[in-house]
PDB file of N, CA and C in Angstrom:
ATOM      1  N   UNK A   1     120.803  81.350  89.588  1.00  0.00           N
ATOM      2  CA  UNK A   1     121.395  81.663  90.910  1.00  0.00           C
ATOM      3  C   UNK A   1     120.628  83.061  90.939  1.00  0.00           C
ATOM      4  N   UNK A   2     120.669  83.709  92.047  1.00  0.00           N
ATOM      5  CA  UNK A   2     120.273  84.696  92.870  1.00  0.00           C
ATOM      6  C   UNK A   2     121.578  85.856  92.930  1.00  0.00           C
ATOM      7  N   UNK A   3     121.545  86.583  92.649  1.00  0.00           N
ATOM      8  CA  UNK A   3     122.534  88.130  92.299  1.00  0.00           C
ATOM      9  C   UNK A   3     121.645  89.180  93.542  1.00  0.00           C
ATOM     10  N   UNK A   4     122.123  89.690  93.897  1.00  0.00           N
ATOM     11  CA  UNK A   4     121.486  90.731  94.662  1.00  0.00           C
ATOM     12  C   UNK A   4     122.521  92.563  94.237  1.00  0.00           C
ATOM     13  N   UNK A   5     121.471  93.602  94.172  1.00  0.00           N
ATOM     14  CA  UNK A   5     122.408  94.881  93.965  1.00  0.00           C
ATOM     15  C   UNK A   5     121.716  95.726  95.191  1.00  0.00           C
ATOM     16  N   UNK A   6     122.303  96.547  95.306  1.00  0.00           N
ATOM     17  CA  UNK A   6     122.158  97.466  96.358  1.00  0.00           C
ATOM     18  C   UNK A   6     121.829  98.690  95.260  1.00  0.00           C
ATOM     19  N   UNK A   7     120.329  99.217  95.638  1.00  0.00           N
ATOM     20  CA  UNK A   7     119.633 100.231  95.084  1.00  0.00           C
ATOM     21  C   UNK A   7     119.187 101.367  96.496  1.00  0.00           C
ATOM     22  N   UNK A   8     119.367 102.466  96.175  1.00  0.00           N
ATOM     23  CA  UNK A   8     119.254 103.467  97.213  1.00  0.00           C
ATOM     24  C   UNK A   8     119.226 102.885  98.521  1.00  0.00           C
ATOM     25  N   UNK A   9     120.285 102.207  98.719  1.00  0.00           N
ATOM     26  CA  UNK A   9     120.526 102.244 100.140  1.00  0.00           C
ATOM     27  C   UNK A   9     119.938 100.457 100.298  1.00  0.00           C
ATOM     28  N   UNK A  10     118.743  99.770  99.913  1.00  0.00           N
ATOM     29  CA  UNK A  10     118.093  98.819 100.148  1.00  0.00           C
ATOM     30  C   UNK A  10     118.403  97.266  98.585  1.00  0.00           C
ATOM     31  N   UNK A  11     118.575  96.512 100.095  1.00  0.00           N
ATOM     32  CA  UNK A  11     119.411  95.272  98.511  1.00  0.00           C
ATOM     33  C   UNK A  11     118.058  94.436  98.043  1.00  0.00           C
ATOM     34  N   UNK A  12     118.160  94.700  96.404  1.00  0.00           N
ATOM     35  CA  UNK A  12     117.231  93.868  95.621  1.00  0.00           C
ATOM     36  C   UNK A  12     117.308  93.370  95.161  1.00  0.00           C
ATOM     37  N   UNK A  13     116.939  91.603  95.293  1.00  0.00           N
ATOM     38  CA  UNK A  13     117.723  90.358  94.742  1.00  0.00           C
ATOM     39  C   UNK A  13     116.891  90.068  92.899  1.00  0.00           C
ATOM     40  N   UNK A  14     117.720  89.220  92.562  1.00  0.00           N
ATOM     41  CA  UNK A  14     116.966  88.969  91.461  1.00  0.00           C
ATOM     42  C   UNK A  14     117.764  87.515  90.768  1.00  0.00           C
ATOM     43  N   UNK A  15     117.190  87.380  89.880  1.00  0.00           N
ATOM     44  CA  UNK A  15     117.738  85.931  89.331  1.00  0.00           C
ATOM     45  C   UNK A  15     117.659  87.147  87.544  1.00  0.00           C
ATOM     46  N   UNK A  16     118.996  85.957  87.092  1.00  0.00           N
ATOM     47  CA  UNK A  16     118.926  87.024  85.572  1.00  0.00           C
ATOM     48  C   UNK A  16     119.597  85.778  84.606  1.00  0.00           C
ATOM     49  N   UNK A  17     119.024  85.291  83.702  1.00  0.00           N
ATOM     50  CA  UNK A  17     118.911  84.251  82.401  1.00  0.00           C
ATOM     51  C   UNK A  17     119.090  85.093  81.479  1.00  0.00           C
ATOM     52  N   UNK A  18     120.936  85.522  80.803  1.00  0.00           N
ATOM     53  CA  UNK A  18     120.860  86.062  79.556  1.00  0.00           C
ATOM     54  C   UNK A  18     120.533  84.887  78.669  1.00  0.00           C
ATOM     55  N   UNK A  19     119.838  85.091  77.218  1.00  0.00           N
ATOM     56  CA  UNK A  19     119.602  84.836  76.504  1.00  0.00           C
ATOM     57  C   UNK A  19     119.380  85.785  74.817  1.00  0.00           C
ATOM     58  N   UNK A  20     118.339  85.401  74.393  1.00  0.00           N
ATOM     59  CA  UNK A  20     118.012  86.317  73.266  1.00  0.00           C
ATOM     60  C   UNK A  20     116.817  86.585  73.388  1.00  0.00           C
ATOM     61  N   UNK A  21     116.248  87.875  72.199  1.00  0.00           N
ATOM     62  CA  UNK A  21     115.098  88.706  72.268  1.00  0.00           C
ATOM     63  C   UNK A  21     114.900  89.742  73.415  1.00  0.00           C
ATOM     64  N   UNK A  22     113.508  90.259  73.702  1.00  0.00           N
ATOM     65  CA  UNK A  22     113.446  91.219  74.783  1.00  0.00           C
ATOM     66  C   UNK A  22     113.291  90.680  76.146  1.00  0.00           C
ATOM     67  N   UNK A  23     113.684  90.484  76.982  1.00  0.00           N
ATOM     68  CA  UNK A  23     113.910  90.015  77.988  1.00  0.00           C
ATOM     69  C   UNK A  23     112.244  90.108  79.200  1.00  0.00           C
ATOM     70  N   UNK A  24     112.386  88.642  79.518  1.00  0.00           N
ATOM     71  CA  UNK A  24     111.244  88.912  80.336  1.00  0.00           C
ATOM     72  C   UNK A  24     111.153  89.316  82.256  1.00  0.00           C
ATOM     73  N   UNK A  25     110.556  90.237  82.070  1.00  0.00           N
ATOM     74  CA  UNK A  25     110.901  90.247  83.406  1.00  0.00           C
ATOM     75  C   UNK A  25     109.581  89.947  84.121  1.00  0.00           C
ATOM     76  N   UNK A  26     109.401  89.056  84.968  1.00  0.00           N
ATOM     77  CA  UNK A  26     108.957  88.018  86.244  1.00  0.00           C
ATOM     78  C   UNK A  26     108.916  88.924  87.705  1.00  0.00           C
ATOM     79  N   UNK A  27     107.643  88.985  87.565  1.00  0.00           N
ATOM     80  CA  UNK A  27     107.235  89.622  89.101  1.00  0.00           C
ATOM     81  C   UNK A  27     106.039  88.783  90.024  1.00  0.00           C
ATOM     82  N   UNK A  28     106.527  88.036  90.819  1.00  0.00           N
ATOM     83  CA  UNK A  28     105.756  87.422  91.997  1.00  0.00           C
ATOM     84  C   UNK A  28     104.641  88.372  92.361  1.00  0.00           C
ATOM     85  N   UNK A  29     104.677  87.531  93.491  1.00  0.00           N
ATOM     86  CA  UNK A  29     102.508  88.346  94.301  1.00  0.00           C
ATOM     87  C   UNK A  29     103.386  88.427  95.462  1.00  0.00           C
ATOM     88  N   UNK A  30     102.345  88.699  95.915  1.00  0.00           N
ATOM     89  CA  UNK A  30     102.687  88.834  98.109  1.00  0.00           C
ATOM     90  C   UNK A  30     102.791  86.992  98.489  1.00  0.00           C
ATOM     91  N   UNK A  31     103.964  87.154  99.552  1.00  0.00           N
ATOM     92  CA  UNK A  31     104.451  86.475 100.524  1.00  0.00           C
ATOM     93  C   UNK A  31     104.818  85.309  99.542  1.00  0.00           C
ATOM     94  N   UNK A  32     105.410  85.878  98.197  1.00  0.00           N
ATOM     95  CA  UNK A  32     105.585  84.515  96.980  1.00  0.00           C
ATOM     96  C   UNK A  32     107.413  85.335  96.811  1.00  0.00           C
ATOM     97  N   UNK A  33     108.013  84.687  95.606  1.00  0.00           N
ATOM     98  CA  UNK A  33     109.208  85.072  95.284  1.00  0.00           C
ATOM     99  C   UNK A  33     109.154  83.976  94.580  1.00  0.00           C
ATOM    100  N   UNK A  34     110.788  84.808  93.743  1.00  0.00           N
ATOM    101  CA  UNK A  34     110.620  83.584  91.547  1.00  0.00           C
ATOM    102  C   UNK A  34     110.934  82.293  92.491  1.00  0.00           C
ATOM    103  N   UNK A  35     110.378  81.635  92.758  1.00  0.00           N
ATOM    104  CA  UNK A  35     110.155  79.850  93.375  1.00  0.00           C
ATOM    105  C   UNK A  35     108.646  80.263  92.950  1.00  0.00           C
ATOM    106  N   UNK A  36     108.116  81.114  92.417  1.00  0.00           N
ATOM    107  CA  UNK A  36     106.728  80.984  91.990  1.00  0.00           C
ATOM    108  C   UNK A  36     106.956  80.725  89.822  1.00  0.00           C
ATOM    109  N   UNK A  37     108.166  81.253  89.851  1.00  0.00           N
ATOM    110  CA  UNK A  37     108.280  81.129  88.044  1.00  0.00           C
ATOM    111  C   UNK A  37     109.227  80.094  87.784  1.00  0.00           C
ATOM    112  N   UNK A  38     109.375  79.270  89.574  1.00  0.00           N
ATOM    113  CA  UNK A  38     110.729  77.842  88.695  1.00  0.00           C
ATOM    114  C   UNK A  38     110.107  76.996  87.274  1.00  0.00           C
ATOM    115  N   UNK A  39     109.328  76.980  87.094  1.00  0.00           N
ATOM    116  CA  UNK A  39     109.416  75.912  86.049  1.00  0.00           C
ATOM    117  C   UNK A  39     109.250  76.509  84.733  1.00  0.00           C
ATOM    118  N   UNK A  40     108.637  77.894  84.877  1.00  0.00           N
ATOM    119  CA  UNK A  40     108.513  78.774  83.640  1.00  0.00           C
ATOM    120  C   UNK A  40     110.061  79.288  83.088  1.00  0.00           C
ATOM    121  N   UNK A  41     110.845  79.523  84.723  1.00  0.00           N
ATOM    122  CA  UNK A  41     112.028  79.982  84.046  1.00  0.00           C
ATOM    123  C   UNK A  41     113.198  79.019  83.934  1.00  0.00           C
ATOM    124  N   UNK A  42     112.752  77.389  83.933  1.00  0.00           N
ATOM    125  CA  UNK A  42     113.486  76.701  83.195  1.00  0.00           C
ATOM    126  C   UNK A  42     113.242  76.722  81.628  1.00  0.00           C
ATOM    127  N   UNK A  43     111.981  77.049  81.741  1.00  0.00           N
ATOM    128  CA  UNK A  43     111.600  76.317  79.742  1.00  0.00           C
ATOM    129  C   UNK A  43     111.808  77.424  79.552  1.00  0.00           C
ATOM    130  N   UNK A  44     111.620  78.673  80.120  1.00  0.00           N
ATOM    131  CA  UNK A  44     112.381  79.901  79.154  1.00  0.00           C
ATOM    132  C   UNK A  44     113.653  80.339  78.847  1.00  0.00           C
ATOM    133  N   UNK A  45     114.407  79.806  79.680  1.00  0.00           N
ATOM    134  CA  UNK A  45     115.860  80.041  79.608  1.00  0.00           C
ATOM    135  C   UNK A  45     116.154  78.838  78.726  1.00  0.00           C
ATOM    136  N   UNK A  46     115.666  77.496  78.795  1.00  0.00           N
ATOM    137  CA  UNK A  46     115.703  76.294  77.662  1.00  0.00           C
ATOM    138  C   UNK A  46     115.366  76.738  76.595  1.00  0.00           C
ATOM    139  N   UNK A  47     114.871  77.968  76.476  1.00  0.00           N
ATOM    140  CA  UNK A  47     114.597  77.975  74.496  1.00  0.00           C
ATOM    141  C   UNK A  47     115.306  78.959  74.408  1.00  0.00           C
ATOM    142  N   UNK A  48     116.074  79.841  75.261  1.00  0.00           N
ATOM    143  CA  UNK A  48     117.249  80.710  74.944  1.00  0.00           C
ATOM    144  C   UNK A  48     116.993  81.795  74.828  1.00  0.00           C
ATOM    145  N   UNK A  49     115.539  82.129  75.537  1.00  0.00           N
ATOM    146  CA  UNK A  49     115.000  83.626  76.202  1.00  0.00           C
ATOM    147  C   UNK A  49     115.133  84.162  77.593  1.00  0.00           C
ATOM    148  N   UNK A  50     115.426  85.550  77.537  1.00  0.00           N
ATOM    149  CA  UNK A  50     116.163  86.550  78.558  1.00  0.00           C
ATOM    150  C   UNK A  50     115.664  86.654  79.498  1.00  0.00           C
ATOM    151  N   UNK A  51     115.960  86.301  80.702  1.00  0.00           N
ATOM    152  CA  UNK A  51     114.503  86.046  82.087  1.00  0.00           C
ATOM    153  C   UNK A  51     115.605  86.690  82.855  1.00  0.00           C
ATOM    154  N   UNK A  52     114.342  88.109  83.152  1.00  0.00           N
ATOM    155  CA  UNK A  52     115.197  88.200  84.101  1.00  0.00           C
ATOM    156  C   UNK A  52     113.860  87.959  85.960  1.00  0.00           C
ATOM    157  N   UNK A  53     114.032  88.034  86.959  1.00  0.00           N
ATOM    158  CA  UNK A  53     112.660  87.707  87.934  1.00  0.00           C
ATOM    159  C   UNK A  53     113.190  88.306  89.052  1.00  0.00           C
ATOM    160  N   UNK A  54     112.806  88.925  89.956  1.00  0.00           N
ATOM    161  CA  UNK A  54     112.776  89.758  91.061  1.00  0.00           C
ATOM    162  C   UNK A  54     112.196  88.842  92.423  1.00  0.00           C
ATOM    163  N   UNK A  55     113.012  89.774  93.570  1.00  0.00           N
ATOM    164  CA  UNK A  55     112.019  89.276  94.606  1.00  0.00           C
ATOM    165  C   UNK A  55     111.969  91.000  95.070  1.00  0.00           C
ATOM    166  N   UNK A  56     110.378  91.182  95.273  1.00  0.00           N
ATOM    167  CA  UNK A  56     109.906  92.409  95.547  1.00  0.00           C
ATOM    168  C   UNK A  56     110.804  92.328  96.927  1.00  0.00           C
ATOM    169  N   UNK A  57     110.517  93.891  97.341  1.00  0.00           N
ATOM    170  CA  UNK A  57     111.411  94.259  98.504  1.00  0.00           C
ATOM    171  C   UNK A  57     110.430  93.447  99.997  1.00  0.00           C
ATOM    172  N   UNK A  58     111.095  93.079 101.021  1.00  0.00           N
ATOM    173  CA  UNK A  58     109.968  92.640 101.741  1.00  0.00           C
ATOM    174  C   UNK A  58     110.406  91.234 101.865  1.00  0.00           C
ATOM    175  N   UNK A  59     110.281  90.421 100.233  1.00  0.00           N
ATOM    176  CA  UNK A  59     110.478  88.970  99.928  1.00  0.00           C
ATOM    177  C   UNK A  59     111.412  88.542 100.240  1.00  0.00           C
ATOM    178  N   UNK A  60     112.214  87.335  99.947  1.00  0.00           N
ATOM    179  CA  UNK A  60     113.124  86.506  99.513  1.00  0.00           C
ATOM    180  C   UNK A  60     114.291  86.786 100.497  1.00  0.00           C
ATOM    181  N   UNK A  61     115.197  87.347  99.299  1.00  0.00           N
ATOM    182  CA  UNK A  61     116.705  87.487  99.404  1.00  0.00           C
ATOM    183  C   UNK A  61     117.035  89.111  99.559  1.00  0.00           C
ATOM    184  N   UNK A  62     115.764  89.911  99.468  1.00  0.00           N
ATOM    185  CA  UNK A  62     115.831  91.870  98.869  1.00  0.00           C
ATOM    186  C   UNK A  62     115.966  92.185 100.720  1.00  0.00           C
ATOM    187  N   UNK A  63     116.010  93.720 101.190  1.00  0.00           N
ATOM    188  CA  UNK A  63     115.785  93.367 101.708  1.00  0.00           C
ATOM    189  C   UNK A  63     114.360  93.825 102.030  1.00  0.00           C
ATOM    190  N   UNK A  64     114.570  94.622 103.368  1.00  0.00           N
ATOM    191  CA  UNK A  64     113.119  94.711 103.868  1.00  0.00           C
ATOM    192  C   UNK A  64     111.706  96.549 103.694  1.00  0.00           C
ATOM    193  N   UNK A  65     113.496  97.589 102.726  1.00  0.00           N
ATOM    194  CA  UNK A  65     113.092  98.582 101.825  1.00  0.00           C
ATOM    195  C   UNK A  65     112.864 100.110 103.494  1.00  0.00           C
ATOM    196  N   UNK A  66     112.257 100.603 103.134  1.00  0.00           N
ATOM    197  CA  UNK A  66     112.210 101.638 104.098  1.00  0.00           C
ATOM    198  C   UNK A  66     110.702 101.972 104.023  1.00  0.00           C
ATOM    199  N   UNK A  67     110.218 100.744 104.171  1.00  0.00           N
ATOM    200  CA  UNK A  67     109.092 100.603 104.561  1.00  0.00           C
ATOM    201  C   UNK A  67     107.190 100.733 103.512  1.00  0.00           C
ATOM    202  N   UNK A  68     107.841 102.267 102.066  1.00  0.00           N
ATOM    203  CA  UNK A  68     106.892 101.688 100.820  1.00  0.00           C
ATOM    204  C   UNK A  68     106.711 100.564  99.986  1.00  0.00           C
ATOM    205  N   UNK A  69     105.956  99.661  99.984  1.00  0.00           N
ATOM    206  CA  UNK A  69     105.661  98.549  99.385  1.00  0.00           C
ATOM    207  C   UNK A  69     104.677  99.165  97.979  1.00  0.00           C
ATOM    208  N   UNK A  70     104.594 100.272  98.001  1.00  0.00           N
ATOM    209  CA  UNK A  70     103.383 100.890  97.225  1.00  0.00           C
ATOM    210  C   UNK A  70     103.564 100.500  95.641  1.00  0.00           C
ATOM    211  N   UNK A  71     102.719  99.867  94.757  1.00  0.00           N
ATOM    212  CA  UNK A  71     102.585  99.760  93.808  1.00  0.00           C
ATOM    213  C   UNK A  71     103.525 101.080  92.649  1.00  0.00           C
ATOM    214  N   UNK A  72     103.962 102.160  93.225  1.00  0.00           N
ATOM    215  CA  UNK A  72     104.874 102.937  92.594  1.00  0.00           C
ATOM    216  C   UNK A  72     106.230 102.970  92.838  1.00  0.00           C
ATOM    217  N   UNK A  73     106.044 102.672  94.051  1.00  0.00           N
ATOM    218  CA  UNK A  73     107.738 102.561  94.825  1.00  0.00           C
ATOM    219  C   UNK A  73     107.945 101.145  93.920  1.00  0.00           C
ATOM    220  N   UNK A  74     107.254 100.094  93.939  1.00  0.00           N
ATOM    221  CA  UNK A  74     108.047  98.880  93.621  1.00  0.00           C
ATOM    222  C   UNK A  74     108.318  98.804  91.588  1.00  0.00           C
ATOM    223  N   UNK A  75     107.462  99.746  91.350  1.00  0.00           N
ATOM    224  CA  UNK A  75     107.719 100.041  89.766  1.00  0.00           C
ATOM    225  C   UNK A  75     109.068 101.005  89.937  1.00  0.00           C
ATOM    226  N   UNK A  76     108.882 101.680  90.614  1.00  0.00           N
ATOM    227  CA  UNK A  76     110.288 102.044  89.990  1.00  0.00           C
ATOM    228  C   UNK A  76     111.607 101.263  90.756  1.00  0.00           C
ATOM    229  N   UNK A  77     111.676 100.579  91.760  1.00  0.00           N
ATOM    230  CA  UNK A  77     112.437  99.548  91.783  1.00  0.00           C
ATOM    231  C   UNK A  77     113.119  99.044  90.731  1.00  0.00           C
ATOM    232  N   UNK A  78     112.069  98.603  89.792  1.00  0.00           N
ATOM    233  CA  UNK A  78     112.157  97.364  88.441  1.00  0.00           C
ATOM    234  C   UNK A  78     112.844  98.274  87.669  1.00  0.00           C
ATOM    235  N   UNK A  79     112.542  99.892  87.598  1.00  0.00           N
ATOM    236  CA  UNK A  79     112.874 100.563  86.749  1.00  0.00           C
ATOM    237  C   UNK A  79     114.330 100.032  87.091  1.00  0.00           C
ATOM    238  N   UNK A  80     114.792 100.536  87.930  1.00  0.00           N
ATOM    239  CA  UNK A  80     115.968 100.530  88.617  1.00  0.00           C
ATOM    240  C   UNK A  80     117.052  99.737  88.453  1.00  0.00           C
ATOM    241  N   UNK A  81     116.431  98.216  88.515  1.00  0.00           N
ATOM    242  CA  UNK A  81     117.668  97.327  88.717  1.00  0.00           C
ATOM    243  C   UNK A  81     117.595  96.907  87.210  1.00  0.00           C
ATOM    244  N   UNK A  82     116.907  97.281  85.820  1.00  0.00           N
ATOM    245  CA  UNK A  82     116.534  97.584  84.811  1.00  0.00           C
ATOM    246  C   UNK A  82     118.020  98.228  84.197  1.00  0.00           C
ATOM    247  N   UNK A  83     117.768  99.714  84.749  1.00  0.00           N
ATOM    248  CA  UNK A  83     118.586 100.469  84.532  1.00  0.00           C
ATOM    249  C   UNK A  83     120.116 100.461  84.932  1.00  0.00           C
ATOM    250  N   UNK A  84     120.337  98.948  85.757  1.00  0.00           N
ATOM    251  CA  UNK A  84     121.093  98.248  86.540  1.00  0.00           C
ATOM    252  C   UNK A  84     121.748  97.178  85.914  1.00  0.00           C
ATOM    253  N   UNK A  85     121.236  96.941  85.261  1.00  0.00           N
ATOM    254  CA  UNK A  85     121.233  95.249  83.915  1.00  0.00           C
ATOM    255  C   UNK A  85     121.018  96.353  82.675  1.00  0.00           C
ATOM    256  N   UNK A  86     120.769  97.290  81.983  1.00  0.00           N
ATOM    257  CA  UNK A  86     121.539  98.195  81.248  1.00  0.00           C
ATOM    258  C   UNK A  86     120.408  97.112  79.824  1.00  0.00           C
ATOM    259  N   UNK A  87     119.251  97.729  80.918  1.00  0.00           N
ATOM    260  CA  UNK A  87     118.203  96.904  79.435  1.00  0.00           C
ATOM    261  C   UNK A  87     117.096  98.273  80.000  1.00  0.00           C
ATOM    262  N   UNK A  88     116.752  98.220  78.257  1.00  0.00           N
ATOM    263  CA  UNK A  88     115.358  99.245  77.924  1.00  0.00           C
ATOM    264  C   UNK A  88     113.816  99.110  77.824  1.00  0.00           C
ATOM    265  N   UNK A  89     114.084  97.575  77.351  1.00  0.00           N
ATOM    266  CA  UNK A  89     113.059  97.510  77.642  1.00  0.00           C
ATOM    267  C   UNK A  89     112.301  95.610  77.813  1.00  0.00           C
ATOM    268  N   UNK A  90     111.426  95.559  78.164  1.00  0.00           N
ATOM    269  CA  UNK A  90     110.971  94.363  78.659  1.00  0.00           C
ATOM    270  C   UNK A  90     109.959  93.668  78.043  1.00  0.00           C
ATOM    271  N   UNK A  91     109.107  92.571  78.181  1.00  0.00           N
ATOM    272  CA  UNK A  91     107.941  92.226  78.484  1.00  0.00           C
ATOM    273  C   UNK A  91     107.726  91.797  79.907  1.00  0.00           C
ATOM    274  N   UNK A  92     106.205  92.390  80.290  1.00  0.00           N
ATOM    275  CA  UNK A  92     106.150  91.663  81.950  1.00  0.00           C
ATOM    276  C   UNK A  92     105.185  91.386  82.424  1.00  0.00           C
ATOM    277  N   UNK A  93     105.221  90.412  82.881  1.00  0.00           N
ATOM    278  CA  UNK A  93     104.671  89.389  83.399  1.00  0.00           C
ATOM    279  C   UNK A  93     104.756  88.962  85.011  1.00  0.00           C
ATOM    280  N   UNK A  94     103.316  89.200  85.737  1.00  0.00           N
ATOM    281  CA  UNK A  94     103.296  89.490  86.954  1.00  0.00           C
ATOM    282  C   UNK A  94     101.544  88.513  87.135  1.00  0.00           C
ATOM    283  N   UNK A  95     101.991  88.303  88.259  1.00  0.00           N
ATOM    284  CA  UNK A  95     100.849  87.592  89.214  1.00  0.00           C
ATOM    285  C   UNK A  95     100.732  87.963  90.645  1.00  0.00           C
ATOM    286  N   UNK A  96      99.490  88.143  90.224  1.00  0.00           N
ATOM    287  CA  UNK A  96      98.595  89.013  92.041  1.00  0.00           C
ATOM    288  C   UNK A  96      99.038  90.405  92.072  1.00  0.00           C
ATOM    289  N   UNK A  97      99.626  90.179  93.038  1.00  0.00           N
ATOM    290  CA  UNK A  97     101.170  92.239  93.379  1.00  0.00           C
ATOM    291  C   UNK A  97     101.212  92.657  91.829  1.00  0.00           C
ATOM    292  N   UNK A  98     102.652  91.370  91.760  1.00  0.00           N
ATOM    293  CA  UNK A  98     102.606  91.491  90.819  1.00  0.00           C
ATOM    294  C   UNK A  98     102.508  92.024  89.779  1.00  0.00           C
ATOM    295  N   UNK A  99     100.951  91.525  89.396  1.00  0.00           N
ATOM    296  CA  UNK A  99     100.149  92.143  88.632  1.00  0.00           C
ATOM    297  C   UNK A  99     100.233  93.501  87.992  1.00  0.00           C
ATOM    298  N   UNK A 100      99.636  94.133  89.609  1.00  0.00           N
ATOM    299  CA  UNK A 100      99.539  95.036  89.671  1.00  0.00           C
ATOM    300  C   UNK A 100     100.869  96.518  89.411  1.00  0.00           C
ATOM    301  N   UNK A 101     101.884  95.848  90.165  1.00  0.00           N
ATOM    302  CA  UNK A 101     103.711  96.108  89.572  1.00  0.00           C
ATOM    303  C   UNK A 101     103.669  96.745  88.566  1.00  0.00           C
ATOM    304  N   UNK A 102     103.643  95.312  87.376  1.00  0.00           N
ATOM    305  CA  UNK A 102     103.709  95.303  86.660  1.00  0.00           C
ATOM    306  C   UNK A 102     102.873  96.764  85.510  1.00  0.00           C
ATOM    307  N   UNK A 103     101.309  96.464  85.860  1.00  0.00           N
ATOM    308  CA  UNK A 103     100.375  97.920  85.522  1.00  0.00           C
ATOM    309  C   UNK A 103     101.067  99.113  85.765  1.00  0.00           C
ATOM    310  N   UNK A 104     101.459  99.520  87.110  1.00  0.00           N
ATOM    311  CA  UNK A 104     101.978 100.337  87.326  1.00  0.00           C
ATOM    312  C   UNK A 104     103.589 101.024  86.652  1.00  0.00           C
ATOM    313  N   UNK A 105     103.677 100.164  86.482  1.00  0.00           N
ATOM    314  CA  UNK A 105     105.424 100.285  85.561  1.00  0.00           C
ATOM    315  C   UNK A 105     104.722 100.519  84.514  1.00  0.00           C
ATOM    316  N   UNK A 106     104.185  99.838  83.962  1.00  0.00           N
ATOM    317  CA  UNK A 106     103.797 100.605  82.216  1.00  0.00           C
ATOM    318  C   UNK A 106     103.613 101.699  82.283  1.00  0.00           C
ATOM    319  N   UNK A 107     102.650 102.560  83.074  1.00  0.00           N
ATOM    320  CA  UNK A 107     101.713 103.689  83.456  1.00  0.00           C
ATOM    321  C   UNK A 107     103.327 104.804  83.841  1.00  0.00           C
ATOM    322  N   UNK A 108     103.938 103.657  84.335  1.00  0.00           N
ATOM    323  CA  UNK A 108     104.728 105.321  84.734  1.00  0.00           C
ATOM    324  C   UNK A 108     105.984 105.633  83.767  1.00  0.00           C
ATOM    325  N   UNK A 109     106.143 104.588  83.422  1.00  0.00           N
ATOM    326  CA  UNK A 109     107.507 104.149  82.377  1.00  0.00           C
ATOM    327  C   UNK A 109     106.807 103.382  80.717  1.00  0.00           C
TER     328      UNK A 109
END
């Protein structure tokens, strides 16, 4: 189920599936969505893992943002989403642009 949070005036859509262990944060690529991870999300959820899948700004149900689609800006949005969810630590999985965002996230935070 997709949820939306307003962070710094922008809508950020995400899926959250509660489970155990360090959450997995799934970040899709350009022109994609959380649908990239649909089969994986089902398998992880069925295995009891906590999963967060985010719609990057400008994709899916997220807003259009302020025009800053840089790796750093996307990484900061992920940090703010995790703060909102009360999650202090994650394992990151990214595809294409999502991989770049994941690496930038690791670098910044």
